[in-house]
């Protein structure tokens, strides 16, 4: 009987998660870089509050791609689109495309937003900080919306 060593999972069998790191310390807990083979887990990440922070960032990107229109609910199609996109990013930049996704998500979200403050007829805008989870959510949403607008 021979002992086999466990292989570390690579995304689509090509890209490692070992060297992937998040430069923004505030987003480190909210950008999950768990090693997976395919961004299709079927886990209920929306069942509890803040559980979606444990969803791998590439799977959240796939979920964002299949959000609207004729691609709604087609996760395998969105996975294939992401696979081709990561392949193009790897050919153009010659770096790990998972690192490029993590950098894009960490730099794509807003740091500051405004809210309405006041009661009655008088209301004014007040600048507020954005929570880290909302920054990640907004970055993924804006990336998918931009890809959808440029494609059609």
N, C-alpha and C. Protein backbone atom coordinates (compact mmCIF):
# COMPACT_ATOMS: atom_id res chain seq x y z
N UNK A 1 0.84 -1.18 0.00
CA UNK A 1 0.00 0.00 0.00
C UNK A 1 0.89 1.25 0.00
N UNK A 2 0.68 2.10 -0.95
CA UNK A 2 1.51 3.31 -1.05
C UNK A 2 0.75 4.51 -0.49
N UNK A 3 1.50 5.40 0.09
CA UNK A 3 0.91 6.62 0.63
C UNK A 3 0.86 7.67 -0.48
N UNK A 4 -0.26 8.30 -0.61
CA UNK A 4 -0.39 9.37 -1.59
C UNK A 4 -0.44 10.69 -0.85
N UNK A 5 0.17 11.67 -1.43
CA UNK A 5 0.14 12.99 -0.83
C UNK A 5 -1.08 13.74 -1.34
N UNK A 6 -1.64 14.53 -0.48
CA UNK A 6 -2.82 15.31 -0.86
C UNK A 6 -2.40 16.49 -1.72
N UNK A 7 -3.11 16.67 -2.79
CA UNK A 7 -2.83 17.81 -3.65
C UNK A 7 -3.60 19.02 -3.17
N UNK A 8 -2.99 20.17 -3.31
CA UNK A 8 -3.73 21.39 -2.97
C UNK A 8 -4.65 21.73 -4.14
N UNK A 9 -5.87 22.11 -3.84
CA UNK A 9 -6.81 22.43 -4.92
C UNK A 9 -6.36 23.66 -5.70
N UNK A 10 -6.48 23.58 -7.00
CA UNK A 10 -6.20 24.71 -7.88
C UNK A 10 -7.49 25.08 -8.59
N UNK A 11 -7.72 26.36 -8.77
CA UNK A 11 -8.93 26.82 -9.44
C UNK A 11 -8.88 26.39 -10.90
N UNK A 12 -9.87 25.65 -11.33
CA UNK A 12 -9.97 25.08 -12.67
C UNK A 12 -8.75 24.22 -13.00
N UNK A 13 -8.05 23.71 -12.00
CA UNK A 13 -6.89 22.87 -12.19
C UNK A 13 -5.65 23.62 -12.65
N UNK A 14 -5.67 24.96 -12.58
CA UNK A 14 -4.56 25.75 -13.12
C UNK A 14 -3.92 26.71 -12.12
N UNK A 15 -4.73 27.41 -11.30
CA UNK A 15 -4.20 28.52 -10.53
C UNK A 15 -4.25 28.23 -9.04
N UNK A 16 -3.10 28.45 -8.39
CA UNK A 16 -2.92 28.23 -6.97
C UNK A 16 -3.49 29.38 -6.16
N UNK A 17 -3.85 29.09 -4.93
CA UNK A 17 -4.30 30.13 -4.00
C UNK A 17 -3.22 30.44 -2.97
N UNK A 18 -2.06 29.82 -3.09
CA UNK A 18 -1.02 29.96 -2.06
C UNK A 18 -0.47 31.38 -1.99
N UNK A 19 -0.17 31.97 -3.13
CA UNK A 19 0.46 33.30 -3.15
C UNK A 19 -0.55 34.43 -3.12
N UNK A 20 -1.83 34.11 -3.12
CA UNK A 20 -2.86 35.15 -3.18
C UNK A 20 -3.01 35.79 -1.81
N UNK A 21 -2.88 37.11 -1.75
CA UNK A 21 -3.07 37.83 -0.50
C UNK A 21 -3.81 39.14 -0.76
N UNK A 22 -4.42 39.66 0.28
CA UNK A 22 -5.17 40.90 0.20
C UNK A 22 -4.34 42.00 0.85
N UNK A 23 -4.10 43.07 0.11
CA UNK A 23 -3.26 44.16 0.63
C UNK A 23 -4.01 45.05 1.61
N UNK A 24 -5.34 45.11 1.50
CA UNK A 24 -6.14 45.95 2.40
C UNK A 24 -6.47 45.15 3.66
N UNK A 25 -5.96 45.61 4.78
CA UNK A 25 -6.12 44.85 6.03
C UNK A 25 -7.58 44.83 6.50
N UNK A 26 -8.36 45.85 6.16
CA UNK A 26 -9.75 45.88 6.61
C UNK A 26 -10.62 44.89 5.85
N UNK A 27 -10.23 44.51 4.64
CA UNK A 27 -11.01 43.59 3.83
C UNK A 27 -10.53 42.15 3.94
N UNK A 28 -9.51 41.90 4.73
CA UNK A 28 -8.90 40.58 4.79
C UNK A 28 -9.87 39.51 5.26
N UNK A 29 -10.76 39.85 6.19
CA UNK A 29 -11.73 38.87 6.70
C UNK A 29 -12.93 38.69 5.78
N UNK A 30 -13.11 39.58 4.81
CA UNK A 30 -14.31 39.56 3.99
C UNK A 30 -14.06 39.09 2.56
N UNK A 31 -12.81 38.98 2.17
CA UNK A 31 -12.46 38.41 0.86
C UNK A 31 -11.91 37.02 1.14
N UNK A 32 -12.75 36.02 0.94
CA UNK A 32 -12.37 34.65 1.27
C UNK A 32 -11.54 34.07 0.12
N UNK A 33 -10.36 33.57 0.47
CA UNK A 33 -9.47 32.99 -0.53
C UNK A 33 -9.29 31.51 -0.29
N UNK A 34 -10.37 30.84 0.10
CA UNK A 34 -10.32 29.40 0.35
C UNK A 34 -10.08 28.65 -0.96
N UNK A 35 -9.27 27.63 -0.89
CA UNK A 35 -8.88 26.89 -2.08
C UNK A 35 -10.04 26.02 -2.56
N UNK A 36 -10.39 26.16 -3.84
CA UNK A 36 -11.47 25.39 -4.43
C UNK A 36 -11.06 24.95 -5.83
N UNK A 37 -11.69 23.90 -6.31
CA UNK A 37 -11.44 23.44 -7.68
C UNK A 37 -12.29 24.23 -8.68
N UNK A 38 -13.57 24.35 -8.36
CA UNK A 38 -14.54 25.00 -9.25
C UNK A 38 -15.39 25.94 -8.40
N UNK A 39 -15.74 27.13 -8.87
CA UNK A 39 -16.55 28.05 -8.07
C UNK A 39 -18.03 27.67 -8.09
N UNK A 40 -18.34 26.45 -7.66
CA UNK A 40 -19.72 25.98 -7.64
C UNK A 40 -19.87 25.05 -6.44
N UNK A 41 -20.17 25.61 -5.28
CA UNK A 41 -20.22 24.80 -4.07
C UNK A 41 -21.63 24.36 -3.71
N UNK A 42 -22.63 25.16 -4.01
CA UNK A 42 -23.99 24.81 -3.65
C UNK A 42 -24.28 24.97 -2.17
N UNK A 43 -23.46 25.73 -1.47
CA UNK A 43 -23.65 25.94 -0.04
C UNK A 43 -24.58 27.13 0.19
N UNK A 44 -25.34 27.09 1.26
CA UNK A 44 -26.28 28.16 1.56
C UNK A 44 -25.56 29.28 2.31
N UNK A 45 -24.97 30.21 1.59
CA UNK A 45 -24.24 31.29 2.22
C UNK A 45 -25.15 32.43 2.65
N UNK A 46 -26.41 32.44 2.23
CA UNK A 46 -27.32 33.52 2.59
C UNK A 46 -28.23 33.14 3.75
N UNK A 47 -27.99 31.99 4.35
CA UNK A 47 -28.89 31.52 5.41
C UNK A 47 -28.74 32.32 6.69
N UNK A 48 -27.52 32.73 7.01
CA UNK A 48 -27.26 33.53 8.20
C UNK A 48 -26.57 34.82 7.80
N UNK A 49 -26.68 35.78 8.68
CA UNK A 49 -26.05 37.07 8.45
C UNK A 49 -24.52 36.92 8.46
N UNK A 50 -23.86 37.58 7.54
CA UNK A 50 -22.40 37.60 7.40
C UNK A 50 -21.81 36.27 6.97
N UNK A 51 -22.60 35.27 6.65
CA UNK A 51 -22.03 34.01 6.21
C UNK A 51 -21.48 34.12 4.79
N UNK A 52 -21.98 35.09 4.02
CA UNK A 52 -21.48 35.22 2.66
C UNK A 52 -20.03 35.69 2.63
N UNK A 53 -19.52 36.17 3.75
CA UNK A 53 -18.10 36.53 3.82
C UNK A 53 -17.22 35.29 3.75
N UNK A 54 -17.77 34.11 4.06
CA UNK A 54 -17.02 32.86 3.98
C UNK A 54 -17.09 32.22 2.60
N UNK A 55 -17.87 32.80 1.70
CA UNK A 55 -17.96 32.30 0.32
C UNK A 55 -16.72 32.74 -0.44
N UNK A 56 -16.07 31.84 -1.18
CA UNK A 56 -14.88 32.23 -1.94
C UNK A 56 -15.18 33.37 -2.91
N UNK A 57 -14.23 34.26 -3.08
CA UNK A 57 -14.46 35.47 -3.86
C UNK A 57 -14.75 35.16 -5.32
N UNK A 58 -14.16 34.09 -5.86
CA UNK A 58 -14.44 33.76 -7.26
C UNK A 58 -15.86 33.22 -7.41
N UNK A 59 -16.36 32.52 -6.40
CA UNK A 59 -17.74 32.05 -6.46
C UNK A 59 -18.72 33.22 -6.32
N UNK A 60 -18.38 34.19 -5.51
CA UNK A 60 -19.24 35.38 -5.40
C UNK A 60 -19.26 36.15 -6.71
N UNK A 61 -18.13 36.16 -7.42
CA UNK A 61 -18.09 36.81 -8.72
C UNK A 61 -18.95 36.07 -9.73
N UNK A 62 -18.92 34.75 -9.70
CA UNK A 62 -19.78 33.95 -10.58
C UNK A 62 -21.25 34.20 -10.25
N UNK A 63 -21.57 34.26 -8.96
CA UNK A 63 -22.96 34.53 -8.56
C UNK A 63 -23.40 35.92 -9.01
N UNK A 64 -22.50 36.87 -9.00
CA UNK A 64 -22.84 38.20 -9.47
C UNK A 64 -23.05 38.26 -10.97
N UNK A 65 -22.32 37.42 -11.70
CA UNK A 65 -22.47 37.41 -13.16
C UNK A 65 -23.83 36.88 -13.60
N UNK A 66 -24.37 35.93 -12.85
CA UNK A 66 -25.64 35.33 -13.27
C UNK A 66 -26.82 36.02 -12.60
N UNK A 67 -26.71 37.29 -12.38
CA UNK A 67 -27.70 38.01 -11.59
C UNK A 67 -28.90 38.49 -12.40
N UNK A 68 -28.74 38.92 -13.62
CA UNK A 68 -29.80 39.65 -14.29
C UNK A 68 -29.96 39.20 -15.73
N UNK A 69 -31.19 39.28 -16.21
CA UNK A 69 -31.47 39.07 -17.63
C UNK A 69 -31.47 37.62 -18.05
N UNK A 70 -30.97 37.39 -19.24
CA UNK A 70 -31.07 36.04 -19.79
C UNK A 70 -30.06 35.06 -19.18
N UNK A 71 -29.10 35.55 -18.44
CA UNK A 71 -28.15 34.67 -17.77
C UNK A 71 -28.55 34.33 -16.35
N UNK A 72 -29.77 34.68 -15.97
CA UNK A 72 -30.24 34.50 -14.61
C UNK A 72 -30.36 33.01 -14.27
N UNK A 73 -29.63 32.57 -13.24
CA UNK A 73 -29.71 31.20 -12.79
C UNK A 73 -28.81 30.23 -13.51
N UNK A 74 -28.09 30.67 -14.52
CA UNK A 74 -27.23 29.77 -15.29
C UNK A 74 -25.81 29.84 -14.72
N UNK A 75 -25.58 29.08 -13.68
CA UNK A 75 -24.29 29.16 -12.99
C UNK A 75 -23.17 28.50 -13.79
N UNK A 76 -23.47 27.45 -14.52
CA UNK A 76 -22.44 26.81 -15.33
C UNK A 76 -21.97 27.73 -16.46
N UNK A 77 -22.90 28.48 -17.03
CA UNK A 77 -22.53 29.46 -18.06
C UNK A 77 -21.65 30.55 -17.46
N UNK A 78 -22.03 31.06 -16.30
CA UNK A 78 -21.24 32.10 -15.64
C UNK A 78 -19.87 31.57 -15.23
N UNK A 79 -19.79 30.30 -14.82
CA UNK A 79 -18.51 29.70 -14.47
C UNK A 79 -17.61 29.60 -15.69
N UNK A 80 -18.19 29.24 -16.82
CA UNK A 80 -17.39 29.15 -18.04
C UNK A 80 -16.92 30.53 -18.49
N UNK A 81 -17.75 31.54 -18.35
CA UNK A 81 -17.35 32.91 -18.69
C UNK A 81 -16.19 33.35 -17.81
N UNK A 82 -16.28 33.06 -16.50
CA UNK A 82 -15.20 33.43 -15.58
C UNK A 82 -13.91 32.68 -15.91
N UNK A 83 -14.03 31.40 -16.28
CA UNK A 83 -12.85 30.62 -16.64
C UNK A 83 -12.14 31.21 -17.85
N UNK A 84 -12.90 31.59 -18.88
CA UNK A 84 -12.30 32.21 -20.07
C UNK A 84 -11.70 33.57 -19.73
N UNK A 85 -12.37 34.31 -18.86
CA UNK A 85 -11.86 35.62 -18.46
C UNK A 85 -10.54 35.49 -17.71
N UNK A 86 -10.48 34.54 -16.79
CA UNK A 86 -9.23 34.34 -16.04
C UNK A 86 -8.11 33.87 -16.95
N UNK A 87 -8.45 33.08 -17.95
CA UNK A 87 -7.43 32.64 -18.92
C UNK A 87 -6.88 33.82 -19.71
N UNK A 88 -7.76 34.73 -20.12
CA UNK A 88 -7.32 35.92 -20.86
C UNK A 88 -6.46 36.81 -19.97
N UNK A 89 -6.86 36.98 -18.71
CA UNK A 89 -6.08 37.80 -17.78
C UNK A 89 -4.70 37.19 -17.57
N UNK A 90 -4.63 35.86 -17.48
CA UNK A 90 -3.34 35.20 -17.30
C UNK A 90 -2.45 35.37 -18.53
N UNK A 91 -3.03 35.29 -19.72
CA UNK A 91 -2.24 35.44 -20.94
C UNK A 91 -1.74 36.87 -21.11
N UNK A 92 -2.54 37.85 -20.75
CA UNK A 92 -2.17 39.24 -20.94
C UNK A 92 -1.18 39.72 -19.89
N UNK A 93 -1.44 39.41 -18.62
CA UNK A 93 -0.62 39.96 -17.54
C UNK A 93 0.46 39.01 -17.04
N UNK A 94 0.32 37.71 -17.27
CA UNK A 94 1.27 36.69 -16.83
C UNK A 94 1.43 36.66 -15.30
N UNK A 95 0.36 36.98 -14.59
CA UNK A 95 0.31 36.81 -13.14
C UNK A 95 -0.88 35.92 -12.80
N UNK A 96 -0.96 35.52 -11.53
CA UNK A 96 -2.06 34.69 -11.08
C UNK A 96 -3.37 35.48 -11.20
N UNK A 97 -4.33 35.02 -12.00
CA UNK A 97 -5.56 35.80 -12.17
C UNK A 97 -6.42 35.86 -10.91
N UNK A 98 -6.25 34.94 -9.99
CA UNK A 98 -6.99 35.02 -8.74
C UNK A 98 -6.50 36.22 -7.93
N UNK A 99 -5.19 36.49 -7.99
CA UNK A 99 -4.64 37.68 -7.33
C UNK A 99 -5.18 38.95 -7.98
N UNK A 100 -5.36 38.94 -9.30
CA UNK A 100 -5.91 40.09 -9.99
C UNK A 100 -7.35 40.33 -9.56
N UNK A 101 -8.13 39.25 -9.38
CA UNK A 101 -9.52 39.37 -8.92
C UNK A 101 -9.56 39.93 -7.50
N UNK A 102 -8.70 39.43 -6.62
CA UNK A 102 -8.67 39.91 -5.24
C UNK A 102 -8.27 41.39 -5.19
N UNK A 103 -7.28 41.79 -6.00
CA UNK A 103 -6.88 43.20 -6.05
C UNK A 103 -8.00 44.08 -6.59
N UNK A 104 -8.71 43.60 -7.62
CA UNK A 104 -9.80 44.38 -8.19
C UNK A 104 -10.94 44.56 -7.20
N UNK A 105 -11.24 43.51 -6.45
CA UNK A 105 -12.32 43.61 -5.46
C UNK A 105 -11.91 44.53 -4.31
N UNK A 106 -10.66 44.45 -3.90
CA UNK A 106 -10.23 45.29 -2.78
C UNK A 106 -10.12 46.76 -3.17
N UNK A 107 -9.85 47.05 -4.43
CA UNK A 107 -9.72 48.44 -4.85
C UNK A 107 -10.99 49.00 -5.49
N UNK A 108 -11.97 48.13 -5.78
CA UNK A 108 -13.14 48.58 -6.53
C UNK A 108 -14.28 49.12 -5.70
N UNK A 109 -14.28 48.86 -4.40
CA UNK A 109 -15.39 49.31 -3.57
C UNK A 109 -15.18 50.70 -3.02
N UNK A 110 -16.27 51.41 -2.74
CA UNK A 110 -16.14 52.78 -2.20
C UNK A 110 -15.73 52.76 -0.73
N UNK A 111 -14.93 53.73 -0.33
CA UNK A 111 -14.53 53.85 1.06
C UNK A 111 -15.47 54.77 1.84
N UNK A 112 -16.12 55.67 1.11
CA UNK A 112 -16.98 56.66 1.76
C UNK A 112 -18.24 56.83 0.95
N UNK A 113 -19.35 57.06 1.64
CA UNK A 113 -20.63 57.23 0.98
C UNK A 113 -21.37 58.35 1.70
N UNK A 114 -22.56 58.70 1.24
CA UNK A 114 -23.34 59.73 1.90
C UNK A 114 -24.72 59.18 2.23
N UNK A 115 -25.28 59.71 3.29
CA UNK A 115 -26.61 59.30 3.71
C UNK A 115 -27.42 60.54 4.06
N UNK A 116 -28.73 60.38 4.09
CA UNK A 116 -29.61 61.50 4.42
C UNK A 116 -29.76 61.61 5.93
N UNK A 117 -29.55 62.80 6.44
CA UNK A 117 -29.69 63.06 7.87
C UNK A 117 -30.69 64.19 8.03
N UNK A 118 -31.62 64.01 8.93
CA UNK A 118 -32.60 65.06 9.20
C UNK A 118 -33.99 64.49 9.35
N UNK A 119 -34.85 65.26 9.96
CA UNK A 119 -36.22 64.84 10.13
C UNK A 119 -37.15 65.92 9.62
N UNK A 120 -38.34 65.51 9.26
CA UNK A 120 -39.28 66.48 8.74
C UNK A 120 -38.94 66.85 7.31
N UNK A 121 -39.05 68.12 7.00
CA UNK A 121 -38.79 68.57 5.63
C UNK A 121 -37.35 68.92 5.37
N UNK A 122 -36.56 69.07 6.43
CA UNK A 122 -35.17 69.47 6.26
C UNK A 122 -34.31 68.21 6.29
N UNK A 123 -33.64 67.95 5.18
CA UNK A 123 -32.74 66.80 5.11
C UNK A 123 -31.46 67.23 4.41
N UNK A 124 -30.35 66.76 4.89
CA UNK A 124 -29.08 67.07 4.24
C UNK A 124 -28.26 65.79 4.14
N UNK A 125 -27.25 65.84 3.30
CA UNK A 125 -26.40 64.67 3.09
C UNK A 125 -25.23 64.71 4.07
N UNK A 126 -24.95 63.54 4.64
CA UNK A 126 -23.85 63.42 5.60
C UNK A 126 -22.90 62.33 5.12
N UNK A 127 -21.61 62.61 5.11
CA UNK A 127 -20.61 61.63 4.69
C UNK A 127 -20.43 60.58 5.78
N UNK A 128 -20.43 59.31 5.37
CA UNK A 128 -20.24 58.20 6.31
C UNK A 128 -19.24 57.21 5.72
N UNK A 129 -18.60 56.45 6.58
CA UNK A 129 -17.69 55.39 6.14
C UNK A 129 -18.51 54.17 5.72
N UNK A 130 -17.94 53.39 4.81
CA UNK A 130 -18.62 52.20 4.31
C UNK A 130 -18.02 50.97 5.00
N UNK A 131 -18.88 50.04 5.40
CA UNK A 131 -18.41 48.84 6.07
C UNK A 131 -17.63 47.97 5.08
N UNK A 132 -16.71 47.15 5.57
CA UNK A 132 -15.90 46.33 4.66
C UNK A 132 -16.71 45.34 3.83
N UNK A 133 -17.74 44.73 4.41
CA UNK A 133 -18.55 43.78 3.64
C UNK A 133 -19.31 44.48 2.53
N UNK A 134 -19.80 45.69 2.80
CA UNK A 134 -20.49 46.44 1.75
C UNK A 134 -19.51 46.87 0.66
N UNK A 135 -18.28 47.17 1.03
CA UNK A 135 -17.27 47.52 0.02
C UNK A 135 -17.03 46.35 -0.93
N UNK A 136 -16.94 45.14 -0.38
CA UNK A 136 -16.73 43.95 -1.22
C UNK A 136 -17.96 43.70 -2.09
N UNK A 137 -19.16 43.81 -1.49
CA UNK A 137 -20.40 43.60 -2.25
C UNK A 137 -20.52 44.60 -3.39
N UNK A 138 -20.24 45.85 -3.10
CA UNK A 138 -20.36 46.91 -4.11
C UNK A 138 -19.33 46.73 -5.22
N UNK A 139 -18.12 46.32 -4.87
CA UNK A 139 -17.08 46.10 -5.89
C UNK A 139 -17.46 44.97 -6.83
N UNK A 140 -17.97 43.87 -6.29
CA UNK A 140 -18.39 42.75 -7.14
C UNK A 140 -19.56 43.16 -8.01
N UNK A 141 -20.51 43.90 -7.44
CA UNK A 141 -21.66 44.36 -8.21
C UNK A 141 -21.23 45.27 -9.36
N UNK A 142 -20.33 46.21 -9.08
CA UNK A 142 -19.89 47.15 -10.12
C UNK A 142 -19.07 46.45 -11.20
N UNK A 143 -18.26 45.46 -10.82
CA UNK A 143 -17.50 44.70 -11.82
C UNK A 143 -18.44 43.94 -12.76
N UNK A 144 -19.44 43.30 -12.19
CA UNK A 144 -20.39 42.52 -13.01
C UNK A 144 -21.25 43.44 -13.87
N UNK A 145 -21.66 44.57 -13.31
CA UNK A 145 -22.48 45.51 -14.07
C UNK A 145 -21.69 46.10 -15.23
N UNK A 146 -20.43 46.43 -15.00
CA UNK A 146 -19.59 46.95 -16.07
C UNK A 146 -19.34 45.92 -17.17
N UNK A 147 -19.13 44.68 -16.77
CA UNK A 147 -18.94 43.61 -17.77
C UNK A 147 -20.21 43.40 -18.58
N UNK A 148 -21.35 43.45 -17.91
CA UNK A 148 -22.63 43.27 -18.60
C UNK A 148 -22.90 44.43 -19.57
N UNK A 149 -22.59 45.67 -19.16
CA UNK A 149 -22.82 46.82 -20.03
C UNK A 149 -21.88 46.83 -21.23
N UNK A 150 -20.66 46.40 -21.04
CA UNK A 150 -19.71 46.42 -22.17
C UNK A 150 -19.93 45.26 -23.13
N UNK A 151 -20.62 44.21 -22.65
CA UNK A 151 -20.84 43.05 -23.52
C UNK A 151 -22.02 43.25 -24.46
N UNK A 152 -23.02 44.03 -24.04
CA UNK A 152 -24.22 44.17 -24.87
C UNK A 152 -24.49 45.60 -25.26
